[in-house]
Amino acid sequence: MAIETKYICTGGCGGEVTKEEFEAGKTTCGTEGCPHHGKTFEQRLYCTECKAFVEEGHSH
């Protein structure tokens, strides 16, 4: 199982960036019209094998 960290917008636009992009400065949603435009992305764990986000602390 391969888990990586992604940062996502929870405003419904579907925006997401990798850990590297987040650390390089892409930290907020830039989608015009999104309710979370300008708000900081939230960290999530992502399984690259099944292509799904997983909850921290839960077995996958």
PDB file of N, CA and C in Angstrom:
ATOM      1  N   MET A   1       0.848  -1.173   0.000  1.00  0.00           N
ATOM      2  CA  MET A   1       0.000   0.000   0.000  1.00  0.00           C
ATOM      3  C   MET A   1       0.895   1.238   0.000  1.00  0.00           C
ATOM      4  N   ALA A   2       0.615   2.155  -0.897  1.00  0.00           N
ATOM      5  CA  ALA A   2       1.386   3.385  -0.999  1.00  0.00           C
ATOM      6  C   ALA A   2       0.499   4.563  -0.608  1.00  0.00           C
ATOM      7  N   ILE A   3       0.853   5.185   0.498  1.00  0.00           N
ATOM      8  CA  ILE A   3       0.092   6.331   0.995  1.00  0.00           C
ATOM      9  C   ILE A   3       0.934   7.589   0.800  1.00  0.00           C
ATOM     10  N   GLU A   4       0.318   8.624   0.258  1.00  0.00           N
ATOM     11  CA  GLU A   4       1.004   9.904   0.129  1.00  0.00           C
ATOM     12  C   GLU A   4       0.123  11.004   0.709  1.00  0.00           C
ATOM     13  N   THR A   5       0.749  12.120   1.010  1.00  0.00           N
ATOM     14  CA  THR A   5       0.032  13.267   1.546  1.00  0.00           C
ATOM     15  C   THR A   5      -0.390  14.168   0.402  1.00  0.00           C
ATOM     16  N   LYS A   6      -1.656  14.553   0.403  1.00  0.00           N
ATOM     17  CA  LYS A   6      -2.176  15.539  -0.544  1.00  0.00           C
ATOM     18  C   LYS A   6      -2.885  16.613   0.259  1.00  0.00           C
ATOM     19  N   TYR A   7      -3.031  17.752  -0.358  1.00  0.00           N
ATOM     20  CA  TYR A   7      -3.754  18.858   0.254  1.00  0.00           C
ATOM     21  C   TYR A   7      -4.923  19.181  -0.659  1.00  0.00           C
ATOM     22  N   ILE A   8      -6.132  19.260  -0.083  1.00  0.00           N
ATOM     23  CA  ILE A   8      -7.335  19.418  -0.897  1.00  0.00           C
ATOM     24  C   ILE A   8      -8.172  20.613  -0.452  1.00  0.00           C
ATOM     25  N   CYS A   9      -8.959  21.100  -1.391  1.00  0.00           N
ATOM     26  CA  CYS A   9      -9.964  22.113  -1.082  1.00  0.00           C
ATOM     27  C   CYS A   9     -11.232  21.381  -0.678  1.00  0.00           C
ATOM     28  N   THR A  10     -11.827  21.792   0.415  1.00  0.00           N
ATOM     29  CA  THR A  10     -13.063  21.160   0.880  1.00  0.00           C
ATOM     30  C   THR A  10     -14.288  21.990   0.510  1.00  0.00           C
ATOM     31  N   GLY A  11     -14.104  22.917  -0.418  1.00  0.00           N
ATOM     32  CA  GLY A  11     -15.204  23.777  -0.834  1.00  0.00           C
ATOM     33  C   GLY A  11     -16.019  23.254  -1.995  1.00  0.00           C
ATOM     34  N   GLY A  12     -15.646  22.087  -2.513  1.00  0.00           N
ATOM     35  CA  GLY A  12     -16.432  21.485  -3.579  1.00  0.00           C
ATOM     36  C   GLY A  12     -15.868  21.633  -4.976  1.00  0.00           C
ATOM     37  N   CYS A  13     -14.781  22.394  -5.150  1.00  0.00           N
ATOM     38  CA  CYS A  13     -14.233  22.595  -6.491  1.00  0.00           C
ATOM     39  C   CYS A  13     -13.350  21.430  -6.941  1.00  0.00           C
ATOM     40  N   GLY A  14     -12.908  20.594  -5.986  1.00  0.00           N
ATOM     41  CA  GLY A  14     -12.061  19.458  -6.334  1.00  0.00           C
ATOM     42  C   GLY A  14     -10.583  19.788  -6.412  1.00  0.00           C
ATOM     43  N   GLY A  15     -10.204  20.978  -5.990  1.00  0.00           N
ATOM     44  CA  GLY A  15      -8.798  21.373  -6.042  1.00  0.00           C
ATOM     45  C   GLY A  15      -7.941  20.541  -5.102  1.00  0.00           C
ATOM     46  N   GLU A  16      -6.764  20.134  -5.601  1.00  0.00           N
ATOM     47  CA  GLU A  16      -5.817  19.404  -4.756  1.00  0.00           C
ATOM     48  C   GLU A  16      -4.403  19.647  -5.253  1.00  0.00           C
ATOM     49  N   VAL A  17      -3.456  19.612  -4.314  1.00  0.00           N
ATOM     50  CA  VAL A  17      -2.042  19.757  -4.639  1.00  0.00           C
ATOM     51  C   VAL A  17      -1.259  18.707  -3.863  1.00  0.00           C
ATOM     52  N   THR A  18      -0.063  18.410  -4.355  1.00  0.00           N
ATOM     53  CA  THR A  18       0.810  17.458  -3.674  1.00  0.00           C
ATOM     54  C   THR A  18       1.498  18.141  -2.493  1.00  0.00           C
ATOM     55  N   LYS A  19       2.135  17.345  -1.671  1.00  0.00           N
ATOM     56  CA  LYS A  19       2.883  17.883  -0.533  1.00  0.00           C
ATOM     57  C   LYS A  19       3.970  18.837  -1.022  1.00  0.00           C
ATOM     58  N   GLU A  20       4.637  18.463  -2.111  1.00  0.00           N
ATOM     59  CA  GLU A  20       5.701  19.292  -2.669  1.00  0.00           C
ATOM     60  C   GLU A  20       5.161  20.637  -3.157  1.00  0.00           C
ATOM     61  N   GLU A  21       4.009  20.622  -3.832  1.00  0.00           N
ATOM     62  CA  GLU A  21       3.400  21.865  -4.308  1.00  0.00           C
ATOM     63  C   GLU A  21       2.981  22.749  -3.136  1.00  0.00           C
ATOM     64  N   PHE A  22       2.416  22.125  -2.092  1.00  0.00           N
ATOM     65  CA  PHE A  22       1.986  22.868  -0.910  1.00  0.00           C
ATOM     66  C   PHE A  22       3.188  23.537  -0.250  1.00  0.00           C
ATOM     67  N   GLU A  23       4.274  22.776  -0.096  1.00  0.00           N
ATOM     68  CA  GLU A  23       5.475  23.316   0.540  1.00  0.00           C
ATOM     69  C   GLU A  23       6.142  24.392  -0.315  1.00  0.00           C
ATOM     70  N   ALA A  24       5.889  24.357  -1.635  1.00  0.00           N
ATOM     71  CA  ALA A  24       6.449  25.360  -2.544  1.00  0.00           C
ATOM     72  C   ALA A  24       5.609  26.633  -2.597  1.00  0.00           C
ATOM     73  N   GLY A  25       4.478  26.650  -1.883  1.00  0.00           N
ATOM     74  CA  GLY A  25       3.705  27.877  -1.793  1.00  0.00           C
ATOM     75  C   GLY A  25       2.276  27.826  -2.295  1.00  0.00           C
ATOM     76  N   LYS A  26       1.864  26.727  -2.931  1.00  0.00           N
ATOM     77  CA  LYS A  26       0.462  26.609  -3.367  1.00  0.00           C
ATOM     78  C   LYS A  26      -0.350  26.125  -2.176  1.00  0.00           C
ATOM     79  N   THR A  27      -0.791  27.045  -1.350  1.00  0.00           N
ATOM     80  CA  THR A  27      -1.425  26.663  -0.087  1.00  0.00           C
ATOM     81  C   THR A  27      -2.908  26.982  -0.009  1.00  0.00           C
ATOM     82  N   THR A  28      -3.420  27.760  -0.960  1.00  0.00           N
ATOM     83  CA  THR A  28      -4.828  28.151  -0.891  1.00  0.00           C
ATOM     84  C   THR A  28      -5.552  27.861  -2.199  1.00  0.00           C
ATOM     85  N   CYS A  29      -6.854  27.738  -2.101  1.00  0.00           N
ATOM     86  CA  CYS A  29      -7.697  27.503  -3.271  1.00  0.00           C
ATOM     87  C   CYS A  29      -7.709  28.752  -4.149  1.00  0.00           C
ATOM     88  N   GLY A  30      -7.478  28.555  -5.432  1.00  0.00           N
ATOM     89  CA  GLY A  30      -7.475  29.673  -6.365  1.00  0.00           C
ATOM     90  C   GLY A  30      -8.629  29.648  -7.345  1.00  0.00           C
ATOM     91  N   THR A  31      -9.595  28.763  -7.114  1.00  0.00           N
ATOM     92  CA  THR A  31     -10.714  28.619  -8.032  1.00  0.00           C
ATOM     93  C   THR A  31     -11.760  29.702  -7.788  1.00  0.00           C
ATOM     94  N   GLU A  32     -11.925  30.575  -8.773  1.00  0.00           N
ATOM     95  CA  GLU A  32     -12.952  31.615  -8.678  1.00  0.00           C
ATOM     96  C   GLU A  32     -14.326  30.958  -8.569  1.00  0.00           C
ATOM     97  N   GLY A  33     -15.156  31.460  -7.698  1.00  0.00           N
ATOM     98  CA  GLY A  33     -16.499  30.924  -7.516  1.00  0.00           C
ATOM     99  C   GLY A  33     -16.595  29.816  -6.483  1.00  0.00           C
ATOM    100  N   CYS A  34     -15.466  29.275  -6.047  1.00  0.00           N
ATOM    101  CA  CYS A  34     -15.480  28.241  -5.005  1.00  0.00           C
ATOM    102  C   CYS A  34     -15.740  28.919  -3.662  1.00  0.00           C
ATOM    103  N   PRO A  35     -16.600  28.328  -2.827  1.00  0.00           N
ATOM    104  CA  PRO A  35     -16.863  28.926  -1.511  1.00  0.00           C
ATOM    105  C   PRO A  35     -15.613  29.033  -0.628  1.00  0.00           C
ATOM    106  N   HIS A  36     -14.573  28.243  -0.938  1.00  0.00           N
ATOM    107  CA  HIS A  36     -13.347  28.269  -0.136  1.00  0.00           C
ATOM    108  C   HIS A  36     -12.204  28.974  -0.865  1.00  0.00           C
ATOM    109  N   HIS A  37     -12.527  29.770  -1.884  1.00  0.00           N
ATOM    110  CA  HIS A  37     -11.499  30.523  -2.610  1.00  0.00           C
ATOM    111  C   HIS A  37     -10.689  31.351  -1.618  1.00  0.00           C
ATOM    112  N   GLY A  38      -9.368  31.205  -1.671  1.00  0.00           N
ATOM    113  CA  GLY A  38      -8.486  31.946  -0.772  1.00  0.00           C
ATOM    114  C   GLY A  38      -8.242  31.280   0.566  1.00  0.00           C
ATOM    115  N   LYS A  39      -8.944  30.180   0.848  1.00  0.00           N
ATOM    116  CA  LYS A  39      -8.755  29.470   2.117  1.00  0.00           C
ATOM    117  C   LYS A  39      -7.694  28.382   1.952  1.00  0.00           C
ATOM    118  N   THR A  40      -7.024  28.061   3.045  1.00  0.00           N
ATOM    119  CA  THR A  40      -5.945  27.079   3.031  1.00  0.00           C
ATOM    120  C   THR A  40      -6.467  25.675   2.763  1.00  0.00           C
ATOM    121  N   PHE A  41      -5.716  24.937   1.917  1.00  0.00           N
ATOM    122  CA  PHE A  41      -6.041  23.539   1.659  1.00  0.00           C
ATOM    123  C   PHE A  41      -5.929  22.731   2.949  1.00  0.00           C
ATOM    124  N   GLU A  42      -6.662  21.615   3.027  1.00  0.00           N
ATOM    125  CA  GLU A  42      -6.592  20.722   4.180  1.00  0.00           C
ATOM    126  C   GLU A  42      -5.808  19.469   3.815  1.00  0.00           C
ATOM    127  N   GLN A  43      -5.002  19.001   4.765  1.00  0.00           N
ATOM    128  CA  GLN A  43      -4.166  17.820   4.538  1.00  0.00           C
ATOM    129  C   GLN A  43      -4.993  16.542   4.606  1.00  0.00           C
ATOM    130  N   ARG A  44      -4.743  15.641   3.654  1.00  0.00           N
ATOM    131  CA  ARG A  44      -5.398  14.333   3.627  1.00  0.00           C
ATOM    132  C   ARG A  44      -4.385  13.276   3.202  1.00  0.00           C
ATOM    133  N   LEU A  45      -4.634  12.031   3.604  1.00  0.00           N
ATOM    134  CA  LEU A  45      -3.821  10.901   3.168  1.00  0.00           C
ATOM    135  C   LEU A  45      -4.499  10.250   1.970  1.00  0.00           C
ATOM    136  N   TYR A  46      -3.698   9.857   0.967  1.00  0.00           N
ATOM    137  CA  TYR A  46      -4.226   9.336  -0.290  1.00  0.00           C
ATOM    138  C   TYR A  46      -3.533   8.025  -0.631  1.00  0.00           C
ATOM    139  N   CYS A  47      -4.330   6.986  -0.922  1.00  0.00           N
ATOM    140  CA  CYS A  47      -3.790   5.691  -1.330  1.00  0.00           C
ATOM    141  C   CYS A  47      -3.613   5.706  -2.846  1.00  0.00           C
ATOM    142  N   THR A  48      -2.379   5.545  -3.303  1.00  0.00           N
ATOM    143  CA  THR A  48      -2.118   5.582  -4.739  1.00  0.00           C
ATOM    144  C   THR A  48      -2.507   4.283  -5.429  1.00  0.00           C
ATOM    145  N   GLU A  49      -2.730   3.224  -4.667  1.00  0.00           N
ATOM    146  CA  GLU A  49      -3.130   1.945  -5.263  1.00  0.00           C
ATOM    147  C   GLU A  49      -4.617   1.914  -5.588  1.00  0.00           C
ATOM    148  N   CYS A  50      -5.456   2.332  -4.655  1.00  0.00           N
ATOM    149  CA  CYS A  50      -6.904   2.273  -4.901  1.00  0.00           C
ATOM    150  C   CYS A  50      -7.479   3.637  -5.284  1.00  0.00           C
ATOM    151  N   LYS A  51      -6.615   4.670  -5.311  1.00  0.00           N
ATOM    152  CA  LYS A  51      -7.018   6.018  -5.733  1.00  0.00           C
ATOM    153  C   LYS A  51      -8.124   6.599  -4.856  1.00  0.00           C
ATOM    154  N   ALA A  52      -7.939   6.469  -3.538  1.00  0.00           N
ATOM    155  CA  ALA A  52      -8.945   6.969  -2.601  1.00  0.00           C
ATOM    156  C   ALA A  52      -8.261   7.651  -1.417  1.00  0.00           C
ATOM    157  N   PHE A  53      -8.957   8.618  -0.845  1.00  0.00           N
ATOM    158  CA  PHE A  53      -8.473   9.255   0.374  1.00  0.00           C
ATOM    159  C   PHE A  53      -8.804   8.355   1.550  1.00  0.00           C
ATOM    160  N   VAL A  54      -7.889   8.280   2.520  1.00  0.00           N
ATOM    161  CA  VAL A  54      -8.075   7.428   3.690  1.00  0.00           C
ATOM    162  C   VAL A  54      -7.981   8.282   4.943  1.00  0.00           C
ATOM    163  N   GLU A  55      -8.680   7.856   5.978  1.00  0.00           N
ATOM    164  CA  GLU A  55      -8.654   8.597   7.233  1.00  0.00           C
ATOM    165  C   GLU A  55      -7.433   8.206   8.042  1.00  0.00           C
ATOM    166  N   GLU A  56      -6.782   9.199   8.595  1.00  0.00           N
ATOM    167  CA  GLU A  56      -5.602   8.968   9.409  1.00  0.00           C
ATOM    168  C   GLU A  56      -5.973   8.129  10.624  1.00  0.00           C
ATOM    169  N   GLY A  57      -5.154   7.130  10.913  1.00  0.00           N
ATOM    170  CA  GLY A  57      -5.399   6.279  12.066  1.00  0.00           C
ATOM    171  C   GLY A  57      -6.223   5.046  11.771  1.00  0.00           C
ATOM    172  N   HIS A  58      -6.805   4.959  10.576  1.00  0.00           N
ATOM    173  CA  HIS A  58      -7.590   3.791  10.193  1.00  0.00           C
ATOM    174  C   HIS A  58      -6.767   2.882   9.291  1.00  0.00           C
ATOM    175  N   SER A  59      -6.929   1.576   9.461  1.00  0.00           N
ATOM    176  CA  SER A  59      -6.235   0.652   8.568  1.00  0.00           C
ATOM    177  C   SER A  59      -6.907   0.704   7.209  1.00  0.00           C
ATOM    178  N   HIS A  60      -6.101   0.466   6.196  1.00  0.00           N
ATOM    179  CA  HIS A  60      -6.631   0.577   4.842  1.00  0.00           C
ATOM    180  C   HIS A  60      -6.235  -0.655   4.057  1.00  0.00           C
TER     181      HIS A  60
END
